Protein backbone atom coordinates (compact mmCIF):
# COMPACT_ATOMS: atom_id res chain seq x y z
CA MET A 1 -28.36 -33.06 -32.62
CA THR A 2 -25.84 -30.38 -31.59
CA ALA A 3 -25.90 -28.80 -28.14
CA GLU A 4 -27.00 -25.46 -29.57
CA ARG A 5 -29.85 -27.13 -31.49
CA ARG A 6 -31.07 -28.94 -28.36
CA ILE A 7 -30.97 -25.68 -26.40
CA LEU A 8 -32.77 -23.87 -29.23
CA THR A 9 -35.49 -26.53 -29.51
CA ALA A 10 -36.16 -26.60 -25.78
CA GLY A 11 -35.94 -22.81 -25.65
CA ILE A 12 -38.55 -22.42 -28.37
CA THR A 13 -40.86 -24.74 -26.44
CA VAL A 14 -40.54 -22.63 -23.30
CA ALA A 15 -40.81 -19.39 -25.26
CA VAL A 16 -44.07 -20.45 -26.91
CA GLY A 17 -45.58 -21.39 -23.56
CA MET A 18 -44.43 -18.21 -21.89
CA SER A 19 -45.66 -16.14 -24.84
CA CYS A 20 -49.18 -17.41 -24.22
CA VAL A 21 -48.85 -16.47 -20.56
CA LYS A 22 -47.51 -13.00 -21.34
CA LEU A 23 -50.18 -12.26 -23.93
CA VAL A 24 -52.84 -12.91 -21.31
CA SER A 25 -50.82 -10.79 -18.86
CA VAL A 26 -50.76 -7.94 -21.38
CA ALA A 27 -54.55 -8.18 -21.67
CA LYS A 28 -54.77 -7.95 -17.89
CA ASP A 29 -52.40 -4.95 -17.80
CA THR A 30 -54.41 -3.18 -20.49
CA PHE A 31 -57.53 -3.56 -18.39
CA VAL A 32 -55.66 -2.43 -15.25
CA ALA A 33 -54.42 0.69 -17.05
CA ALA A 34 -57.95 1.64 -18.09
CA VAL A 35 -59.30 1.16 -14.56
CA PHE A 36 -56.45 2.58 -12.44
CA GLY A 37 -54.25 4.66 -14.79
CA ARG A 38 -51.26 6.13 -12.95
CA SER A 39 -52.77 6.24 -9.49
CA GLY A 40 -51.86 6.02 -5.82
CA PRO A 41 -53.78 2.77 -5.18
CA LEU A 42 -51.99 1.07 -8.07
CA ASP A 43 -48.67 2.37 -6.74
CA ALA A 44 -49.55 0.81 -3.37
CA TYR A 45 -50.24 -2.58 -4.97
CA LEU A 46 -47.10 -2.52 -7.10
CA PHE A 47 -44.97 -1.57 -4.10
CA ALA A 48 -46.36 -4.48 -2.05
CA LEU A 49 -46.05 -6.86 -5.01
CA GLY A 50 -42.44 -5.82 -5.56
CA ILE A 51 -41.45 -6.81 -2.02
CA VAL A 52 -43.28 -10.16 -2.19
CA SER A 53 -41.96 -11.06 -5.65
CA PHE A 54 -38.44 -10.11 -4.63
CA ALA A 55 -38.60 -12.51 -1.67
CA ILE A 56 -39.83 -15.36 -3.89
CA ASN A 57 -37.21 -14.82 -6.56
CA VAL A 58 -34.30 -14.45 -4.17
CA ILE A 59 -34.99 -17.46 -1.95
CA ALA A 60 -36.64 -19.93 -4.31
CA GLY A 61 -34.43 -18.81 -7.18
CA ALA A 62 -31.35 -19.52 -5.05
CA PHE A 63 -32.54 -23.02 -4.14
CA GLN A 64 -33.40 -23.62 -7.79
CA VAL A 65 -29.91 -22.67 -9.00
CA ALA A 66 -28.19 -24.69 -6.25
CA LEU A 67 -30.49 -27.72 -6.45
CA VAL A 68 -30.82 -28.41 -10.18
CA PRO A 69 -27.13 -29.25 -10.84
CA ALA A 70 -27.11 -31.53 -7.77
CA LEU A 71 -30.33 -33.27 -8.86
CA ILE A 72 -28.97 -33.90 -12.34
CA GLN A 73 -25.75 -35.29 -10.93
CA ALA A 74 -27.65 -37.51 -8.45
CA ARG A 75 -29.85 -38.90 -11.23
CA HIS A 76 -26.86 -39.34 -13.55
CA GLU A 77 -24.81 -41.24 -10.96
CA ASP A 78 -27.37 -43.03 -8.72
CA GLY A 79 -30.77 -42.94 -10.42
CA ASP A 80 -34.20 -41.42 -9.80
CA GLU A 81 -34.56 -42.62 -6.21
CA ALA A 82 -31.46 -40.72 -5.10
CA ALA A 83 -32.72 -37.62 -6.89
CA GLN A 84 -36.10 -37.88 -5.12
CA ARG A 85 -34.44 -38.20 -1.71
CA LEU A 86 -32.32 -35.15 -2.43
CA LEU A 87 -35.37 -33.16 -3.53
CA ALA A 88 -37.41 -34.15 -0.45
CA SER A 89 -34.58 -33.27 1.94
CA ALA A 90 -33.83 -29.96 0.22
CA LEU A 91 -37.50 -28.95 0.43
CA VAL A 92 -37.33 -29.00 4.25
CA PRO A 93 -34.98 -26.01 4.68
CA ALA A 94 -36.36 -24.31 1.54
CA LEU A 95 -39.95 -24.33 2.78
CA ALA A 96 -38.90 -23.38 6.31
CA LEU A 97 -36.99 -20.36 5.01
CA LEU A 98 -39.83 -19.28 2.70
CA VAL A 99 -42.36 -19.42 5.55
CA ALA A 100 -40.00 -17.62 7.93
CA VAL A 101 -39.47 -14.78 5.45
CA ALA A 102 -43.22 -14.46 4.88
CA VAL A 103 -43.85 -14.22 8.63
CA ALA A 104 -41.01 -11.72 9.08
CA LEU A 105 -42.34 -9.51 6.29
CA GLY A 106 -45.80 -9.63 7.86
CA CYS A 107 -44.41 -8.40 11.16
CA LEU A 108 -42.21 -5.75 9.57
CA ALA A 109 -44.59 -4.53 6.86
CA ALA A 110 -45.36 -1.13 8.39
CA PRO A 111 -41.72 -0.25 9.26
CA LEU A 112 -40.61 -1.34 5.77
CA ILE A 113 -43.16 0.92 4.10
CA ALA A 114 -42.27 3.82 6.39
CA SER A 115 -38.53 3.47 5.78
CA LEU A 116 -38.55 2.71 2.05
CA GLY A 117 -41.55 4.52 0.56
CA GLY A 118 -41.84 8.17 -0.38
CA ASP A 119 -43.95 10.62 1.61
CA TYR A 120 -47.13 10.03 -0.40
CA LEU A 121 -46.72 6.24 -0.13
CA ARG A 122 -46.20 6.40 3.63
CA ALA A 123 -49.59 8.11 3.82
CA LYS A 124 -51.02 4.93 2.27
CA THR A 125 -49.30 2.59 4.72
CA PRO A 126 -52.53 0.83 5.84
CA LEU A 127 -53.45 0.01 2.22
CA VAL A 128 -49.93 -1.15 1.28
CA ARG A 129 -49.72 -3.30 4.41
CA HIS A 130 -53.16 -4.82 3.77
CA LEU A 131 -52.23 -5.73 0.19
CA MET A 132 -48.90 -7.15 1.29
CA LEU A 133 -50.53 -9.34 3.95
CA LEU A 134 -52.94 -10.70 1.34
CA MET A 135 -50.03 -11.73 -0.87
CA LEU A 136 -47.59 -13.04 1.75
CA PRO A 137 -48.83 -16.68 1.44
CA THR A 138 -47.63 -16.57 -2.15
CA ILE A 139 -44.03 -16.57 -0.90
CA PRO A 140 -44.03 -20.27 0.10
CA LEU A 141 -46.58 -21.12 -2.62
CA GLY A 142 -44.66 -19.36 -5.39
CA GLY A 143 -41.35 -20.65 -4.09
CA LEU A 144 -42.51 -24.26 -4.25
CA SER A 145 -43.89 -23.65 -7.75
CA LEU A 146 -40.55 -22.31 -8.92
CA LEU A 147 -38.74 -25.34 -7.52
CA ALA A 148 -41.30 -27.75 -8.99
CA GLY A 149 -40.94 -26.14 -12.41
CA SER A 150 -37.16 -26.39 -12.27
CA VAL A 151 -37.33 -30.11 -11.41
CA LEU A 152 -39.64 -30.67 -14.38
CA ASN A 153 -37.20 -28.75 -16.59
CA ALA A 154 -34.37 -30.97 -15.36
CA SER A 155 -36.48 -33.97 -16.43
CA GLY A 156 -36.92 -32.54 -19.92
CA ARG A 157 -40.44 -31.19 -19.32
CA PHE A 158 -40.47 -27.60 -20.52
CA ALA A 159 -43.88 -26.85 -22.03
CA PHE A 160 -46.12 -27.51 -19.02
CA PRO A 161 -44.16 -25.45 -16.45
CA ALA A 162 -44.05 -22.59 -18.95
CA MET A 163 -47.85 -22.62 -19.33
CA THR A 164 -48.96 -22.90 -15.69
CA PRO A 165 -48.46 -19.17 -14.87
CA LEU A 166 -51.53 -18.53 -17.05
CA ALA A 167 -53.55 -19.07 -13.88
CA THR A 168 -52.62 -15.75 -12.27
CA PRO A 169 -53.56 -13.24 -15.00
CA LEU A 170 -56.70 -15.21 -15.89
CA LEU A 171 -57.97 -15.28 -12.32
CA THR A 172 -57.05 -11.61 -11.87
CA ILE A 173 -59.11 -10.65 -14.93
CA VAL A 174 -62.04 -12.67 -13.58
CA LEU A 175 -61.85 -10.86 -10.25
CA LEU A 176 -61.54 -7.43 -11.88
CA LEU A 177 -64.58 -8.08 -14.06
CA GLY A 178 -66.71 -9.88 -11.49
CA ALA A 179 -65.88 -7.96 -8.33
CA ARG A 180 -65.33 -4.32 -9.32
CA GLY A 181 -66.12 -3.21 -5.79
CA LEU A 182 -62.88 -4.79 -4.57
CA GLY A 183 -60.78 -2.15 -6.32
CA VAL A 184 -57.04 -2.71 -6.22
CA GLU A 185 -57.58 -5.55 -3.72
CA ALA A 186 -58.73 -7.68 -6.67
CA LEU A 187 -55.16 -7.59 -8.03
CA ALA A 188 -53.75 -8.98 -4.78
CA LEU A 189 -56.42 -11.68 -4.51
CA GLY A 190 -55.87 -12.68 -8.13
CA PHE A 191 -52.16 -13.06 -7.47
CA LEU A 192 -52.87 -15.25 -4.44
CA ALA A 193 -55.46 -17.45 -6.19
CA GLY A 194 -53.18 -17.90 -9.19
CA SER A 195 -50.31 -19.03 -6.95
CA VAL A 196 -52.49 -21.72 -5.35
CA PHE A 197 -53.72 -23.03 -8.70
CA GLU A 198 -50.28 -23.01 -10.28
CA LEU A 199 -48.73 -25.01 -7.42
CA ALA A 200 -51.50 -27.62 -7.63
CA LEU A 201 -50.89 -28.09 -11.36
CA LEU A 202 -47.12 -28.39 -11.01
CA ALA A 203 -47.34 -30.81 -8.08
CA ALA A 204 -49.60 -33.08 -10.16
CA ALA A 205 -47.16 -32.94 -13.08
CA LEU A 206 -44.28 -33.86 -10.76
CA ARG A 207 -46.19 -36.87 -9.46
CA ALA A 208 -46.60 -38.05 -13.05
CA GLU A 209 -42.81 -37.89 -13.39
CA GLY A 210 -42.30 -39.96 -10.24
CA PHE A 211 -41.37 -37.06 -7.96
CA ALA A 212 -43.24 -35.93 -4.88
CA LEU A 213 -43.23 -32.27 -3.84
CA VAL A 214 -43.30 -33.28 -0.18
CA PRO A 215 -40.63 -32.22 2.33
CA LYS A 216 -39.07 -35.23 4.07
CA TRP A 217 -35.78 -35.27 5.89
CA TYR A 218 -33.44 -38.13 4.90
CA GLY A 219 -30.43 -36.72 6.68
CA GLN A 220 -27.43 -34.87 5.34
CA ASP A 221 -25.22 -36.32 2.66
CA LYS A 222 -22.52 -34.84 0.45
CA ARG A 223 -24.96 -33.68 -2.19
CA LEU A 224 -27.26 -31.93 0.25
CA GLN A 225 -24.27 -30.32 1.92
CA GLY A 226 -23.19 -29.12 -1.51
CA VAL A 227 -26.62 -27.61 -2.12
CA ALA A 228 -26.46 -25.87 1.26
CA ARG A 229 -22.98 -24.51 0.54
CA GLN A 230 -24.15 -23.09 -2.78
CA CYS A 231 -27.43 -21.68 -1.44
CA ALA A 232 -25.94 -19.14 0.95
CA PRO A 233 -23.84 -17.30 -1.64
CA VAL A 234 -26.62 -17.59 -4.23
CA ILE A 235 -29.17 -16.03 -1.87
CA ALA A 236 -26.74 -13.24 -1.00
CA GLY A 237 -25.83 -12.74 -4.65
CA ALA A 238 -29.44 -12.83 -5.80
CA PHE A 239 -30.37 -10.33 -3.10
CA LEU A 240 -27.74 -7.94 -4.41
CA MET A 241 -28.03 -8.66 -8.16
CA GLY A 242 -31.81 -9.05 -8.32
CA ASN A 243 -32.87 -6.06 -6.26
CA SER A 244 -32.86 -3.56 -9.13
CA PRO A 245 -36.65 -3.65 -9.73
CA LEU A 246 -37.39 -3.21 -6.02
CA ILE A 247 -34.84 -0.42 -5.58
CA ASP A 248 -36.18 1.28 -8.71
CA GLN A 249 -39.72 1.22 -7.27
CA VAL A 250 -38.56 2.53 -3.91
CA MET A 251 -36.65 5.41 -5.49
CA ALA A 252 -39.48 6.13 -7.94
CA SER A 253 -41.79 6.57 -4.94
CA TRP A 254 -39.53 9.39 -3.75
CA LEU A 255 -40.40 11.32 -6.93
CA GLY A 256 -44.12 11.55 -6.13
CA ALA A 257 -47.44 9.88 -6.87
CA GLY A 258 -47.82 7.97 -10.13
CA ASN A 259 -44.12 7.39 -10.76
CA ILE A 260 -44.12 3.76 -9.63
CA SER A 261 -47.04 3.16 -12.00
CA ALA A 262 -45.22 4.95 -14.85
CA LEU A 263 -42.12 2.83 -14.26
CA ASN A 264 -44.25 -0.31 -14.20
CA TYR A 265 -46.06 0.51 -17.46
CA GLY A 266 -42.78 1.48 -19.12
CA ASN A 267 -41.32 -1.90 -18.28
CA LYS A 268 -44.27 -3.97 -19.50
CA VAL A 269 -43.18 -4.58 -23.09
CA VAL A 270 -39.52 -4.96 -22.13
CA SER A 271 -40.33 -7.34 -19.29
CA LEU A 272 -42.56 -9.28 -21.70
CA VAL A 273 -39.58 -9.78 -24.00
CA LEU A 274 -37.20 -10.51 -21.13
CA SER A 275 -39.56 -12.89 -19.34
CA ILE A 276 -40.07 -15.00 -22.44
CA SER A 277 -36.45 -14.97 -23.62
CA SER A 278 -34.80 -15.25 -20.20
CA GLY A 279 -37.32 -17.85 -19.05
CA ALA A 280 -36.55 -19.96 -22.09
CA LEU A 281 -32.82 -19.34 -21.87
CA GLY A 282 -32.54 -19.92 -18.13
CA SER A 283 -34.77 -23.01 -18.06
CA VAL A 284 -32.91 -24.92 -20.76
CA THR A 285 -29.30 -23.82 -20.26
CA LEU A 286 -28.92 -24.63 -16.56
CA PRO A 287 -29.81 -28.35 -16.95
CA HIS A 288 -27.72 -28.58 -20.14
CA PHE A 289 -24.66 -26.85 -18.68
CA SER A 290 -25.02 -28.87 -15.47
CA LEU A 291 -24.98 -32.12 -17.45
CA LEU A 292 -21.81 -31.04 -19.27
CA VAL A 293 -20.20 -30.31 -15.91
CA ALA A 294 -21.41 -33.62 -14.45
CA THR A 295 -19.83 -35.50 -17.38
CA GLY A 296 -16.67 -33.37 -17.35
CA ASP A 297 -17.05 -32.10 -20.93
CA TRP A 298 -15.41 -28.71 -20.30
CA ARG A 299 -14.54 -28.07 -23.95
CA ALA A 300 -18.17 -28.42 -25.02
CA LEU A 301 -19.21 -26.17 -22.14
CA GLY A 302 -16.89 -23.38 -23.27
CA GLU A 303 -17.76 -23.68 -26.96
CA THR A 304 -21.50 -23.71 -26.26
CA PHE A 305 -21.22 -20.66 -24.02
CA HIS A 306 -19.29 -18.60 -26.57
CA ARG A 307 -21.55 -19.46 -29.50
CA CYS A 308 -24.78 -18.91 -27.57
CA ARG A 309 -23.51 -15.59 -26.27
CA ARG A 310 -22.75 -14.31 -29.78
CA TRP A 311 -26.21 -15.27 -31.07
CA ILE A 312 -27.91 -13.70 -28.04
CA LEU A 313 -26.14 -10.37 -28.50
CA VAL A 314 -26.78 -10.17 -32.25
CA ALA A 315 -30.46 -11.11 -32.03
CA SER A 316 -31.25 -8.89 -29.05
CA VAL A 317 -29.52 -5.80 -30.47
CA VAL A 318 -31.56 -6.15 -33.66
CA GLY A 319 -34.73 -6.49 -31.60
CA VAL A 320 -34.00 -3.39 -29.51
CA LEU A 321 -33.30 -1.28 -32.59
CA ALA A 322 -36.63 -2.41 -34.05
CA LEU A 323 -38.49 -1.44 -30.85
CA PHE A 324 -37.32 2.16 -30.66
CA PRO A 325 -39.40 3.70 -33.48
CA LEU A 326 -42.47 1.75 -32.33
CA SER A 327 -42.34 2.77 -28.67
CA ASN A 328 -45.01 5.51 -28.74
CA LEU A 329 -47.32 3.39 -30.88
CA LEU A 330 -47.04 0.35 -28.60
CA VAL A 331 -47.71 2.28 -25.41
CA GLY A 332 -50.66 4.08 -26.99
CA LEU A 333 -52.22 0.88 -28.30
CA LEU A 334 -51.75 -0.99 -25.05
CA PHE A 335 -52.65 1.58 -22.41
CA GLU A 336 -54.06 4.88 -23.71
CA ARG A 337 -57.71 4.62 -22.73
CA GLY A 338 -59.85 5.38 -19.70
CA ALA A 339 -57.76 6.79 -16.87
CA PHE A 340 -54.54 6.54 -18.91
CA GLN A 341 -54.05 9.79 -20.86
CA HIS A 342 -51.84 10.86 -23.82
CA ALA A 343 -49.40 12.67 -21.51
CA ASP A 344 -48.93 9.36 -19.71
CA THR A 345 -48.17 7.71 -23.06
CA LEU A 346 -45.32 10.13 -23.80
CA LEU A 347 -43.69 9.59 -20.41
CA VAL A 348 -44.12 5.82 -20.43
CA SER A 349 -42.78 5.56 -24.00
CA ARG A 350 -39.58 7.33 -22.97
CA ILE A 351 -39.17 5.01 -19.99
CA GLN A 352 -39.77 2.02 -22.26
CA MET A 353 -36.97 3.01 -24.66
CA PHE A 354 -34.46 3.36 -21.83
CA TYR A 355 -35.52 0.03 -20.33
CA ALA A 356 -35.07 -1.64 -23.73
CA LEU A 357 -31.36 -0.83 -23.69
CA GLN A 358 -30.83 -3.47 -20.98
CA VAL A 359 -32.09 -6.42 -23.07
CA PRO A 360 -28.83 -7.57 -24.75
CA PHE A 361 -26.83 -7.24 -21.54
CA TYR A 362 -29.49 -8.87 -19.35
CA LEU A 363 -29.74 -11.96 -21.54
CA ALA A 364 -26.00 -12.32 -22.13
CA GLY A 365 -25.40 -11.87 -18.41
CA LEU A 366 -27.98 -14.55 -17.60
CA LEU A 367 -26.09 -17.02 -19.80
CA SER A 368 -22.90 -16.29 -17.84
CA VAL A 369 -24.74 -16.75 -14.54
CA ARG A 370 -26.00 -20.17 -15.67
CA VAL A 371 -22.49 -21.27 -16.54
CA ILE A 372 -21.20 -20.06 -13.18
CA SER A 373 -24.01 -21.86 -11.35
CA SER A 374 -23.47 -25.11 -13.27
CA MET A 375 -19.82 -25.02 -12.15
CA ALA A 376 -20.90 -24.39 -8.52
CA ARG A 377 -19.06 -21.06 -8.42
CA ASN A 378 -22.02 -19.10 -7.11
CA GLU A 379 -19.96 -17.33 -4.45
CA VAL A 380 -18.59 -14.95 -7.10
CA LEU A 381 -22.11 -13.60 -7.69
CA LEU A 382 -21.92 -12.00 -4.27
CA TYR A 383 -19.05 -9.75 -5.34
CA PHE A 384 -20.67 -8.77 -8.62
CA GLY A 385 -23.98 -8.17 -6.86
CA THR A 386 -22.37 -5.73 -4.43
CA ILE A 387 -21.03 -3.69 -7.34
CA ASN A 388 -24.43 -3.79 -9.09
CA LEU A 389 -26.18 -2.51 -5.99
CA ALA A 390 -23.85 0.46 -5.61
CA VAL A 391 -24.02 1.34 -9.32
CA ASN A 392 -27.82 1.08 -9.38
CA ILE A 393 -28.34 3.40 -6.42
CA ALA A 394 -25.79 5.92 -7.69
CA GLY A 395 -27.21 5.80 -11.21
CA ASN A 396 -30.78 6.23 -10.01
CA LEU A 397 -29.83 9.27 -7.94
CA LEU A 398 -27.79 10.84 -10.73
CA PHE A 399 -30.06 10.21 -13.73
CA SER A 400 -33.36 10.85 -11.95
CA LYS A 401 -32.05 14.24 -10.87
CA PHE A 402 -31.86 15.36 -14.50
CA MET A 403 -34.37 13.08 -16.25
CA GLY A 404 -36.98 12.28 -13.61
CA VAL A 405 -38.38 8.76 -13.40
CA ALA A 406 -37.08 7.93 -16.91
CA GLY A 407 -33.55 8.25 -15.52
CA ILE A 408 -34.21 5.25 -13.29
CA ALA A 409 -34.85 3.14 -16.39
CA LEU A 410 -31.60 4.35 -17.98
CA SER A 411 -29.71 3.51 -14.79
CA THR A 412 -31.02 -0.06 -14.98
CA ALA A 413 -29.57 -0.45 -18.49
CA VAL A 414 -26.19 0.81 -17.27
CA VAL A 415 -26.23 -1.68 -14.38
CA TYR A 416 -26.89 -4.68 -16.63
CA ALA A 417 -24.26 -3.57 -19.16
CA LEU A 418 -21.62 -3.42 -16.42
CA SER A 419 -22.83 -6.69 -14.92
CA ASP A 420 -22.63 -8.51 -18.25
CA PHE A 421 -19.08 -7.28 -18.83
CA MET A 422 -17.94 -8.49 -15.39
CA LEU A 423 -19.69 -11.87 -15.63
CA ALA A 424 -18.47 -12.65 -19.14
CA THR A 425 -14.92 -11.66 -18.21
CA TYR A 426 -15.02 -13.99 -15.21
CA VAL A 427 -16.38 -16.94 -17.22
CA ARG A 428 -13.76 -16.54 -19.95
CA ARG A 429 -10.67 -15.77 -17.90
CA VAL A 430 -11.32 -17.59 -14.62
CA GLY A 431 -14.28 -19.98 -14.53
CA LEU A 432 -13.77 -22.16 -17.63
CA ARG A 433 -10.00 -22.18 -17.27
CA SER A 434 -10.12 -23.23 -13.63
CA VAL A 435 -12.50 -26.16 -14.12
CA ALA A 436 -10.59 -27.32 -17.21
CA ALA A 437 -7.31 -27.18 -15.26
CA ARG A 438 -8.83 -29.24 -12.46
CA ALA A 439 -10.12 -31.79 -14.94
CA ILE A 440 -6.65 -32.11 -16.53
CA GLY A 441 -5.22 -32.47 -13.05
CA GLY A 442 -7.37 -35.53 -12.48
CA SER A 443 -10.07 -34.24 -10.16
CA GLY A 444 -12.86 -34.87 -12.67
CA PRO A 445 -16.36 -33.50 -12.63
CA SER A 446 -16.62 -33.52 -8.87
CA ALA A 447 -14.02 -30.81 -8.67
CA SER A 448 -16.66 -28.26 -9.36
CA THR A 449 -18.91 -29.25 -6.48
């Protein structure tokens, strides 16, 4: 079986699992739209959720990207026991950092809201802070779940980790239906309950694979030091490259009440597509690329990258073109009922079309990031992330001035287009050439660590 076929098969497995999760999430969002519409309380929840989710993705995502290549190399060279020791030792600083960030956000919640939110959101500071405090435990819980899922992916288990996020939308729907008096608080409690349940499921699956999701310090070795060296630039890069959704929400709040909600609804279909496709792509390519690096097969790495990138761009451009004429219909079918009116549909549909423009560049850029991470060149993401941050802020200010909240969605597409160009250029002209040159020079696979 060719490399592309293995990636495709595993990717389809993940995509099917994530599709089930996202379909349930869409059902939840439809119900949320009918109950809350474009409202201040929903804006408050989304603002709090954005901060919490950003913390999870930056920290746990960084450990995931730095840890998986090292785990695969440890298993390849020294067996499962060495991989388990590395996982247990890496969990110690990972969990400590996740807890520390959760505590820090709890202490700084009110100043964060006051400094980042618009005037109307600052008036809701007690509600935003309350919702944030309810969800802060999900930072260590969600972080451990993300790491557990990545370890299962590295072991060839793709379906189960892709299905476990079903817990959150299901429990949220139950709370919304069974405890209407909770209001928007039900969304925060559903997110918390789902995080607990998801972690329990993934920990059990890891035990079945012979891994324990238990922090235990075995001391530093070369592999753990390598993970630590990669984590710092990945966290910094992820903070800069992955902050677009949070910055978009912050700047949407400056435009007045209901704009965070509009931005969130407008991104639902696009994020559904991106979550499924990027989840599948990211889950299967990082272990595969890392194995090619561990075995020193640089030629296969380059060929696989170029072919996958071409297929991603062709397929995603076709998909985006198909979405455009259906935008109004989709938004109307999904959300236009109850508190969500036809005027909201027109605005959200426009936002959705601008958000859709990012899809080809987002997915192609993710493939480049996975290649860079597999080669342990994560420090370059810091430079690209700095550029992304500046372009995103400038684009939001410029486009929102003339187009309102829809301009923020267009700015996001511009950011990912520029990011993809920079990442692909680096992989082609610097990354693959440098590791191949080192391999020819006799340094072997370890040269990339």
